[in-house]
Amino acid sequence: MVASLFGPMAESRVIDQDFDKIILGIDPGTNLLGYGILGIQGKKQVMISLGVIELHKYSSHAMKLKKIFERCLSIIDMYHPDEVALEAPFFGKNVQSMLKLGRAQGVVMAAALYRDLPIFEYAPKRVKQAITGKGSASKEQVAGMVANLLNIKELPKTFDSTDAMAVAFCHYFSSGGPETGTKSYSGWGAFLKDNPDRVKD
């Protein structure tokens, strides 16, 4: 099941807009896989969609991978992103969990490559640094900054989708956006210096 925070009518109104670039951010997972679709209009960032792919009900790991591939393809075909940004798996003590997470990421990459989309990977610490200015930031802090950037009044129940949108923002900051040529930003602080209007009172 693909669960979005917004209804189809609201999303269709956003999709109809013209964007310079659309970035698909992915937070890989084998129970919940978060995704965020970020539209770029000049220096303006617009949330097109935010949601999760729910995989709890599938007991087989192979079936979960199959569903990840199918549903990522469906999201790509629906929103037509120009680039895909993924959070790279972090190194943990549980080898089996790491293996499963790595497979999930590989399947997402395969889906993007199947549609000839460029892929970019970012370490969790780099994503947190880019969004909050702190590589040790909590998921709550990341979600809060994403909400501030996109003017979201109500946060989703899980952080998987906001983590995914944070990856999309991290990629946007790193690439510098369509109007900044080859310039890239190291994080939110550097971006803010060039875009002071992004702060809301």
Protein backbone atom coordinates (compact mmCIF):
# COMPACT_ATOMS: atom_id res chain seq x y z
CA MET A 1 0.00 0.00 0.00
CA VAL A 2 1.19 3.50 -0.89
CA ALA A 3 -0.08 6.01 1.67
CA SER A 4 0.09 9.73 0.89
CA LEU A 5 -0.59 12.60 3.27
CA PHE A 6 -2.74 14.31 0.68
CA GLY A 7 -5.77 13.35 -1.34
CA PRO A 8 -5.61 12.88 -5.13
CA MET A 9 -7.39 16.18 -5.83
CA ALA A 10 -4.85 18.23 -3.86
CA GLU A 11 -1.93 16.40 -5.46
CA SER A 12 -3.30 16.77 -8.99
CA ARG A 13 -3.44 20.54 -8.58
CA VAL A 14 0.25 20.57 -7.62
CA ILE A 15 1.30 18.13 -10.36
CA ASP A 16 -0.31 20.39 -12.97
CA GLN A 17 2.19 23.14 -12.12
CA ASP A 18 5.36 23.63 -14.17
CA PHE A 19 8.59 22.78 -12.37
CA ASP A 20 12.21 23.36 -13.33
CA LYS A 21 13.07 20.10 -11.62
CA ILE A 22 11.36 17.36 -9.63
CA ILE A 23 13.35 15.42 -7.04
CA LEU A 24 12.23 12.09 -5.59
CA GLY A 25 13.67 11.54 -2.11
CA ILE A 26 13.64 8.02 -0.67
CA ASP A 27 14.23 6.73 2.86
CA PRO A 28 14.68 2.97 2.27
CA GLY A 29 13.06 0.47 4.59
CA THR A 30 11.56 -3.02 4.56
CA ASN A 31 8.56 -2.27 6.79
CA LEU A 32 7.94 1.37 5.87
CA LEU A 33 9.65 3.07 2.96
CA GLY A 34 9.32 6.83 2.96
CA TYR A 35 9.14 9.00 -0.13
CA GLY A 36 8.99 12.73 -0.75
CA ILE A 37 8.42 14.49 -4.06
CA LEU A 38 9.98 17.96 -4.14
CA GLY A 39 9.21 20.35 -6.98
CA ILE A 40 11.58 23.23 -7.79
CA GLN A 41 10.35 26.50 -9.31
CA GLY A 42 13.30 28.88 -9.50
CA LYS A 43 14.34 29.30 -5.87
CA LYS A 44 10.98 28.11 -4.60
CA GLN A 45 10.50 24.57 -3.27
CA VAL A 46 7.07 22.97 -3.44
CA MET A 47 5.94 19.73 -1.80
CA ILE A 48 4.22 17.66 -4.49
CA SER A 49 3.67 14.56 -2.38
CA LEU A 50 4.80 13.00 0.88
CA GLY A 51 4.04 9.48 2.02
CA VAL A 52 5.10 5.93 2.78
CA ILE A 53 5.01 2.52 1.14
CA GLU A 54 3.63 0.13 3.75
CA LEU A 55 5.19 -3.33 3.70
CA HIS A 56 4.25 -4.75 7.13
CA LYS A 57 1.79 -7.31 5.84
CA TYR A 58 4.31 -9.12 3.64
CA SER A 59 6.09 -11.82 5.62
CA SER A 60 8.46 -12.80 2.82
CA HIS A 61 11.48 -10.54 2.35
CA ALA A 62 11.50 -11.39 -1.36
CA MET A 63 7.87 -10.26 -1.68
CA LYS A 64 8.70 -6.98 0.09
CA LEU A 65 11.47 -6.33 -2.43
CA LYS A 66 9.09 -7.08 -5.30
CA LYS A 67 6.53 -4.62 -3.91
CA ILE A 68 9.21 -1.95 -3.38
CA PHE A 69 10.25 -2.24 -7.02
CA GLU A 70 6.66 -2.13 -8.32
CA ARG A 71 5.54 0.77 -6.15
CA CYS A 72 8.65 2.84 -6.72
CA LEU A 73 8.10 2.41 -10.45
CA SER A 74 4.48 3.49 -9.95
CA ILE A 75 5.57 6.64 -8.07
CA ILE A 76 8.16 7.44 -10.74
CA ASP A 77 5.60 7.00 -13.52
CA MET A 78 3.06 9.16 -11.67
CA TYR A 79 5.28 12.12 -10.74
CA HIS A 80 8.02 11.93 -13.41
CA PRO A 81 10.98 12.99 -11.24
CA ASP A 82 14.17 14.20 -12.92
CA GLU A 83 16.47 12.85 -10.21
CA VAL A 84 16.32 10.33 -7.37
CA ALA A 85 18.07 10.91 -4.04
CA LEU A 86 18.41 8.10 -1.49
CA GLU A 87 19.59 7.89 2.07
CA ALA A 88 22.51 5.45 2.18
CA PRO A 89 22.29 2.64 4.76
CA PHE A 90 24.16 3.35 7.97
CA PHE A 91 26.49 0.80 9.53
CA GLY A 92 24.95 -0.96 12.52
CA LYS A 93 25.58 -3.95 14.73
CA ASN A 94 22.72 -6.06 13.31
CA VAL A 95 24.17 -7.59 10.15
CA GLN A 96 20.86 -9.10 9.01
CA SER A 97 19.07 -5.76 9.29
CA MET A 98 21.86 -4.08 7.34
CA LEU A 99 21.66 -6.73 4.63
CA LYS A 100 17.88 -6.33 4.26
CA LEU A 101 18.13 -2.54 4.20
CA GLY A 102 20.87 -2.69 1.59
CA ARG A 103 18.71 -4.91 -0.59
CA ALA A 104 15.79 -2.50 -0.29
CA GLN A 105 18.01 0.37 -1.36
CA GLY A 106 19.32 -1.68 -4.28
CA VAL A 107 15.77 -2.40 -5.48
CA VAL A 108 14.90 1.32 -5.33
CA MET A 109 18.04 2.06 -7.36
CA ALA A 110 17.06 -0.62 -9.87
CA ALA A 111 13.61 0.97 -10.29
CA ALA A 112 15.18 4.38 -10.91
CA LEU A 113 17.70 2.94 -13.37
CA TYR A 114 14.89 1.08 -15.13
CA ARG A 115 13.46 4.52 -15.95
CA ASP A 116 16.91 5.95 -16.80
CA LEU A 117 16.94 8.35 -13.83
CA PRO A 118 20.17 9.61 -12.22
CA ILE A 119 20.71 8.43 -8.64
CA PHE A 120 22.37 10.28 -5.78
CA GLU A 121 23.20 8.85 -2.34
CA TYR A 122 23.62 10.74 0.92
CA ALA A 123 24.75 9.47 4.32
CA PRO A 124 22.24 9.99 7.17
CA LYS A 125 24.60 12.32 9.00
CA ARG A 126 25.02 14.48 5.89
CA VAL A 127 21.24 14.73 5.44
CA LYS A 128 20.80 15.83 9.06
CA GLN A 129 23.64 18.34 8.72
CA ALA A 130 22.14 19.78 5.54
CA ILE A 131 18.66 20.17 7.01
CA THR A 132 19.30 21.20 10.61
CA GLY A 133 22.97 22.19 10.71
CA LYS A 134 23.67 19.29 13.10
CA GLY A 135 24.77 15.83 12.01
CA SER A 136 23.47 14.39 15.28
CA ALA A 137 19.96 15.89 14.97
CA SER A 138 17.00 13.75 15.99
CA LYS A 139 14.27 12.63 13.61
CA GLU A 140 11.93 15.06 15.37
CA GLN A 141 14.28 17.95 14.63
CA VAL A 142 14.62 16.91 10.99
CA ALA A 143 10.83 16.62 10.65
CA GLY A 144 10.37 20.03 12.26
CA MET A 145 12.76 21.69 9.83
CA VAL A 146 11.13 19.98 6.85
CA ALA A 147 7.76 21.22 8.09
CA ASN A 148 9.15 24.74 8.39
CA LEU A 149 10.67 24.66 4.90
CA LEU A 150 7.42 23.48 3.35
CA ASN A 151 5.04 25.28 5.70
CA ILE A 152 3.39 22.03 6.79
CA LYS A 153 0.94 22.56 9.64
CA GLU A 154 0.55 18.91 10.62
CA LEU A 155 3.38 16.37 10.63
CA PRO A 156 2.79 12.77 9.50
CA LYS A 157 2.48 9.98 12.07
CA THR A 158 5.84 8.44 11.12
CA PHE A 159 9.15 10.09 10.31
CA ASP A 160 9.86 7.93 7.25
CA SER A 161 8.24 10.39 4.85
CA THR A 162 9.84 13.50 6.38
CA ASP A 163 13.21 11.72 6.36
CA ALA A 164 12.69 11.07 2.65
CA MET A 165 11.81 14.71 1.99
CA ALA A 166 14.92 15.70 3.95
CA VAL A 167 16.99 13.61 1.53
CA ALA A 168 15.36 15.45 -1.39
CA PHE A 169 16.21 18.80 0.23
CA CYS A 170 19.76 17.64 0.93
CA HIS A 171 20.17 16.87 -2.75
CA TYR A 172 18.68 20.23 -3.70
CA PHE A 173 21.05 22.07 -1.36
CA SER A 174 23.99 20.06 -2.69
CA SER A 175 23.16 20.73 -6.33
CA GLY A 176 22.46 24.41 -5.67
CA GLY A 177 19.16 24.56 -7.57
CA PRO A 178 18.40 25.55 -11.16
CA GLU A 179 19.33 29.20 -10.82
CA THR A 180 22.71 28.85 -9.17
CA GLY A 181 24.70 27.12 -11.88
CA THR A 182 27.35 24.81 -10.47
CA LYS A 183 27.16 26.29 -6.97
CA SER A 184 26.37 23.87 -4.19
CA TYR A 185 25.39 24.34 -0.55
CA SER A 186 26.93 22.48 2.36
CA GLY A 187 23.70 22.71 4.31
CA TRP A 188 20.80 24.81 5.56
CA GLY A 189 23.02 27.57 6.95
CA ALA A 190 24.79 28.16 3.64
CA PHE A 191 21.52 27.99 1.74
CA LEU A 192 19.92 30.49 4.12
CA LYS A 193 22.61 33.09 3.46
CA ASP A 194 21.63 33.16 -0.22
CA ASN A 195 17.92 32.73 0.47
CA PRO A 196 16.96 34.77 3.57
CA ASP A 197 13.35 34.89 2.44
CA ARG A 198 13.00 31.18 3.27
CA VAL A 199 12.74 31.94 7.01
CA LYS A 200 9.24 32.48 8.29
CA ASP A 201 8.53 34.54 11.40
